[in-house]
N, C-alpha and C. Protein backbone atom coordinates (compact mmCIF):
# COMPACT_ATOMS: atom_id res chain seq x y z
N MET A 1 30.08 -34.33 -51.74
CA MET A 1 29.69 -35.55 -52.37
C MET A 1 29.89 -35.38 -53.79
N ALA A 2 30.39 -36.55 -54.44
CA ALA A 2 30.59 -36.56 -55.88
C ALA A 2 29.36 -36.70 -56.64
N ASP A 3 29.58 -36.36 -57.91
CA ASP A 3 28.35 -36.45 -58.82
C ASP A 3 28.46 -37.65 -59.71
N ILE A 4 27.35 -37.98 -60.24
CA ILE A 4 27.29 -39.03 -61.38
C ILE A 4 26.81 -38.30 -62.55
N TYR A 5 26.98 -38.83 -63.74
CA TYR A 5 26.69 -38.12 -65.03
C TYR A 5 25.81 -38.86 -65.85
N CYS A 6 24.96 -38.09 -66.57
CA CYS A 6 24.15 -38.65 -67.54
C CYS A 6 24.90 -39.37 -68.56
N GLN A 7 24.50 -40.65 -68.98
CA GLN A 7 25.31 -41.39 -69.93
C GLN A 7 25.06 -40.95 -71.27
N ARG A 8 24.20 -40.00 -71.48
CA ARG A 8 23.85 -39.57 -72.86
C ARG A 8 24.45 -38.12 -73.10
N CYS A 9 24.24 -37.17 -72.19
CA CYS A 9 24.58 -35.90 -72.45
C CYS A 9 25.82 -35.43 -71.49
N GLY A 10 26.08 -36.24 -70.46
CA GLY A 10 27.10 -35.88 -69.46
C GLY A 10 26.72 -34.81 -68.44
N GLU A 11 25.48 -34.51 -68.31
CA GLU A 11 25.07 -33.55 -67.26
C GLU A 11 25.31 -34.13 -65.93
N PRO A 12 25.92 -33.44 -64.94
CA PRO A 12 26.19 -33.84 -63.59
C PRO A 12 24.88 -33.85 -62.78
N TRP A 13 24.83 -34.90 -62.00
CA TRP A 13 23.70 -35.07 -61.04
C TRP A 13 24.23 -35.56 -59.74
N ASP A 14 23.75 -34.96 -58.62
CA ASP A 14 24.13 -35.45 -57.28
C ASP A 14 23.40 -36.80 -57.11
N VAL A 15 24.04 -37.57 -56.30
CA VAL A 15 23.43 -38.92 -55.99
C VAL A 15 22.04 -38.89 -55.24
N TYR A 16 21.87 -37.90 -54.44
CA TYR A 16 20.68 -37.71 -53.69
C TYR A 16 19.52 -37.38 -54.68
N SER A 17 19.75 -36.54 -55.56
CA SER A 17 18.74 -36.15 -56.57
C SER A 17 18.25 -37.38 -57.39
N VAL A 18 19.22 -38.10 -57.91
CA VAL A 18 18.97 -39.39 -58.82
C VAL A 18 18.09 -40.33 -57.93
N GLN A 19 18.56 -40.51 -56.66
CA GLN A 19 17.83 -41.55 -55.81
C GLN A 19 16.43 -41.04 -55.27
N HIS A 20 16.35 -39.78 -54.93
CA HIS A 20 15.20 -39.43 -54.20
C HIS A 20 14.29 -38.41 -54.90
N GLU A 21 14.81 -37.66 -55.82
CA GLU A 21 13.93 -36.67 -56.48
C GLU A 21 13.43 -36.97 -57.86
N PHE A 22 14.17 -37.98 -58.61
CA PHE A 22 13.79 -38.41 -60.01
C PHE A 22 12.48 -39.25 -59.73
N THR A 23 11.60 -39.18 -60.84
CA THR A 23 10.40 -40.02 -60.77
C THR A 23 10.93 -41.43 -61.17
N PRO A 24 10.07 -42.48 -60.95
CA PRO A 24 10.50 -43.81 -61.30
C PRO A 24 10.77 -43.85 -62.92
N GLU A 25 10.12 -43.17 -63.59
CA GLU A 25 10.33 -43.08 -65.14
C GLU A 25 11.62 -42.39 -65.48
N GLU A 26 11.86 -41.35 -64.73
CA GLU A 26 13.22 -40.53 -64.97
C GLU A 26 14.40 -41.49 -64.58
N LYS A 27 14.27 -42.24 -63.43
CA LYS A 27 15.34 -43.15 -63.00
C LYS A 27 15.51 -44.31 -64.07
N GLU A 28 14.50 -44.86 -64.54
CA GLU A 28 14.61 -45.87 -65.55
C GLU A 28 15.30 -45.33 -66.77
N ARG A 29 14.89 -44.13 -67.29
CA ARG A 29 15.54 -43.56 -68.44
C ARG A 29 17.06 -43.33 -68.19
N PHE A 30 17.27 -42.73 -67.00
CA PHE A 30 18.67 -42.31 -66.65
C PHE A 30 19.57 -43.55 -66.60
N TRP A 31 19.19 -44.64 -65.94
CA TRP A 31 20.03 -45.78 -65.85
C TRP A 31 20.09 -46.65 -67.05
N SER A 32 19.07 -46.48 -67.93
CA SER A 32 19.08 -47.32 -69.19
C SER A 32 19.93 -46.55 -70.32
N GLY A 33 20.33 -45.40 -69.93
CA GLY A 33 21.16 -44.62 -70.87
C GLY A 33 20.33 -43.82 -71.93
N GLN A 34 18.97 -43.67 -71.72
CA GLN A 34 18.19 -42.97 -72.61
C GLN A 34 18.17 -41.45 -72.41
N GLY A 35 18.75 -40.95 -71.28
CA GLY A 35 18.87 -39.65 -70.93
C GLY A 35 18.40 -39.18 -69.62
N CYS A 36 18.74 -38.00 -69.30
CA CYS A 36 18.29 -37.45 -67.97
C CYS A 36 17.12 -36.49 -68.28
N PRO A 37 16.60 -35.79 -67.28
CA PRO A 37 15.56 -34.74 -67.49
C PRO A 37 15.99 -33.58 -68.39
N CYS A 38 17.40 -33.40 -68.50
CA CYS A 38 17.80 -32.28 -69.32
C CYS A 38 17.81 -32.70 -70.77
N CYS A 39 18.07 -33.90 -71.15
CA CYS A 39 18.41 -34.26 -72.50
C CYS A 39 17.34 -35.29 -73.11
N PHE A 40 16.56 -35.93 -72.24
CA PHE A 40 15.53 -36.87 -72.77
C PHE A 40 14.68 -36.20 -73.83
N GLY A 41 14.58 -36.81 -75.02
CA GLY A 41 13.75 -36.32 -76.14
C GLY A 41 14.51 -35.17 -76.96
N GLU A 42 15.65 -34.75 -76.54
CA GLU A 42 16.39 -33.80 -77.25
C GLU A 42 17.52 -34.45 -78.03
N GLU A 43 17.94 -33.77 -79.04
CA GLU A 43 19.16 -34.25 -79.82
C GLU A 43 20.47 -33.93 -79.08
N VAL A 44 21.25 -34.93 -79.06
CA VAL A 44 22.61 -34.80 -78.53
C VAL A 44 23.59 -35.10 -79.64
N LYS A 45 24.20 -33.94 -80.07
CA LYS A 45 25.05 -33.99 -81.14
C LYS A 45 26.31 -34.75 -81.02
N GLU A 46 26.92 -34.49 -79.89
CA GLU A 46 28.22 -35.19 -79.54
C GLU A 46 28.25 -35.57 -78.09
N ARG A 47 28.41 -36.91 -77.81
CA ARG A 47 28.43 -37.37 -76.48
C ARG A 47 29.74 -36.96 -75.83
N PRO A 48 29.71 -36.23 -74.66
CA PRO A 48 30.95 -35.94 -74.02
C PRO A 48 31.69 -37.12 -73.42
N PHE A 49 32.96 -36.88 -73.15
CA PHE A 49 33.84 -37.88 -72.60
C PHE A 49 33.29 -38.41 -71.21
N ARG A 50 32.79 -37.52 -70.46
CA ARG A 50 32.24 -37.92 -69.23
C ARG A 50 31.05 -38.83 -69.29
N ALA A 51 30.22 -38.57 -70.35
CA ALA A 51 29.03 -39.43 -70.56
C ALA A 51 29.56 -40.93 -70.99
N GLU A 52 30.53 -40.90 -71.80
CA GLU A 52 31.14 -42.22 -72.35
C GLU A 52 31.76 -42.99 -71.02
N ALA A 53 32.47 -42.25 -70.18
CA ALA A 53 33.19 -42.85 -68.98
C ALA A 53 31.99 -43.31 -68.03
N MET A 54 30.99 -42.53 -67.90
CA MET A 54 29.85 -42.95 -66.89
C MET A 54 29.23 -44.24 -67.53
N SER A 55 29.00 -44.34 -68.79
CA SER A 55 28.41 -45.50 -69.33
C SER A 55 29.27 -46.68 -69.04
N VAL A 56 30.58 -46.59 -69.20
CA VAL A 56 31.45 -47.80 -68.92
C VAL A 56 31.36 -48.16 -67.46
N ILE A 57 31.53 -47.09 -66.55
CA ILE A 57 31.56 -47.36 -65.14
C ILE A 57 30.20 -47.99 -64.76
N ALA A 58 29.08 -47.52 -65.22
CA ALA A 58 27.79 -48.11 -64.95
C ALA A 58 27.67 -49.50 -65.36
N ASP A 59 28.30 -49.92 -66.55
CA ASP A 59 28.22 -51.33 -66.95
C ASP A 59 28.97 -52.25 -65.94
N VAL A 60 30.08 -51.71 -65.55
CA VAL A 60 30.94 -52.47 -64.58
C VAL A 60 30.38 -52.61 -63.16
N LEU A 61 29.85 -51.44 -62.70
CA LEU A 61 29.38 -51.48 -61.26
C LEU A 61 27.91 -51.79 -61.04
N GLY A 62 27.17 -51.75 -62.04
CA GLY A 62 25.69 -52.15 -61.97
C GLY A 62 25.00 -51.17 -61.12
N ASN A 63 24.42 -51.54 -59.98
CA ASN A 63 23.56 -50.69 -59.07
C ASN A 63 24.34 -50.02 -58.10
N ASP A 64 25.65 -50.01 -58.00
CA ASP A 64 26.46 -49.40 -57.04
C ASP A 64 26.64 -47.83 -57.35
N ILE A 65 25.59 -47.09 -56.98
CA ILE A 65 25.64 -45.65 -57.26
C ILE A 65 26.67 -44.99 -56.64
N ASP A 66 26.98 -45.30 -55.34
CA ASP A 66 28.13 -44.64 -54.61
C ASP A 66 29.39 -45.10 -55.17
N GLY A 67 29.56 -46.23 -55.57
CA GLY A 67 30.86 -46.61 -56.20
C GLY A 67 30.97 -45.90 -57.55
N MET A 68 29.97 -45.60 -58.34
CA MET A 68 30.06 -44.92 -59.65
C MET A 68 30.57 -43.52 -59.38
N ALA A 69 29.83 -42.84 -58.26
CA ALA A 69 30.21 -41.46 -57.97
C ALA A 69 31.73 -41.39 -57.60
N ALA A 70 32.22 -42.37 -56.72
CA ALA A 70 33.63 -42.43 -56.31
C ALA A 70 34.55 -42.63 -57.50
N GLU A 71 34.17 -43.53 -58.50
CA GLU A 71 35.02 -43.79 -59.56
C GLU A 71 35.05 -42.49 -60.55
N MET A 72 34.00 -41.83 -60.66
CA MET A 72 33.94 -40.61 -61.52
C MET A 72 34.85 -39.55 -60.90
N GLU A 73 34.68 -39.46 -59.58
CA GLU A 73 35.57 -38.45 -58.85
C GLU A 73 37.05 -38.85 -59.06
N ASP A 74 37.35 -40.13 -58.83
CA ASP A 74 38.76 -40.53 -59.09
C ASP A 74 39.24 -40.24 -60.52
N LEU A 75 38.37 -40.42 -61.50
CA LEU A 75 38.81 -40.27 -62.90
C LEU A 75 38.99 -38.68 -63.14
N GLU A 76 38.12 -37.91 -62.66
CA GLU A 76 38.28 -36.44 -62.73
C GLU A 76 39.61 -35.99 -62.03
N TYR A 77 39.97 -36.57 -60.93
CA TYR A 77 41.28 -36.29 -60.32
C TYR A 77 42.42 -36.72 -61.17
N LEU A 78 42.33 -37.99 -61.73
CA LEU A 78 43.35 -38.57 -62.51
C LEU A 78 43.64 -37.73 -63.76
N LEU A 79 42.56 -37.35 -64.53
CA LEU A 79 42.71 -36.70 -65.79
C LEU A 79 42.89 -35.22 -65.60
N GLY A 80 42.40 -34.59 -64.61
CA GLY A 80 42.49 -33.23 -64.38
C GLY A 80 41.41 -32.46 -64.87
N SER A 81 41.12 -31.30 -64.25
CA SER A 81 39.90 -30.50 -64.69
C SER A 81 39.98 -29.98 -66.12
N ASP A 82 41.13 -29.72 -66.62
CA ASP A 82 41.29 -29.19 -68.06
C ASP A 82 40.76 -30.22 -69.03
N PHE A 83 41.21 -31.46 -68.83
CA PHE A 83 40.75 -32.55 -69.75
C PHE A 83 39.15 -32.88 -69.63
N TRP A 84 38.82 -32.77 -68.33
CA TRP A 84 37.40 -33.14 -68.00
C TRP A 84 36.37 -32.18 -68.53
N ALA A 85 36.68 -30.89 -68.69
CA ALA A 85 35.72 -29.93 -69.12
C ALA A 85 35.10 -30.06 -70.46
């Protein structure tokens, strides 16, 4: 299964964790772009490309979490793992 990424720090998260293991507050912060449990309240010096890409995809797809995961997987395939890292 493909991952989705934090829109702030780029941390990868599997879809199941976001849907079923995040608290309601964590989900709200995650989807609003305020951060994930790894980066909320922490300074993020540089936003990774995958965080930027996830932000754009989330804006376009709204609540379609499976679609977001598929688009991010396609983007990783298209750009290659060297670019993505």
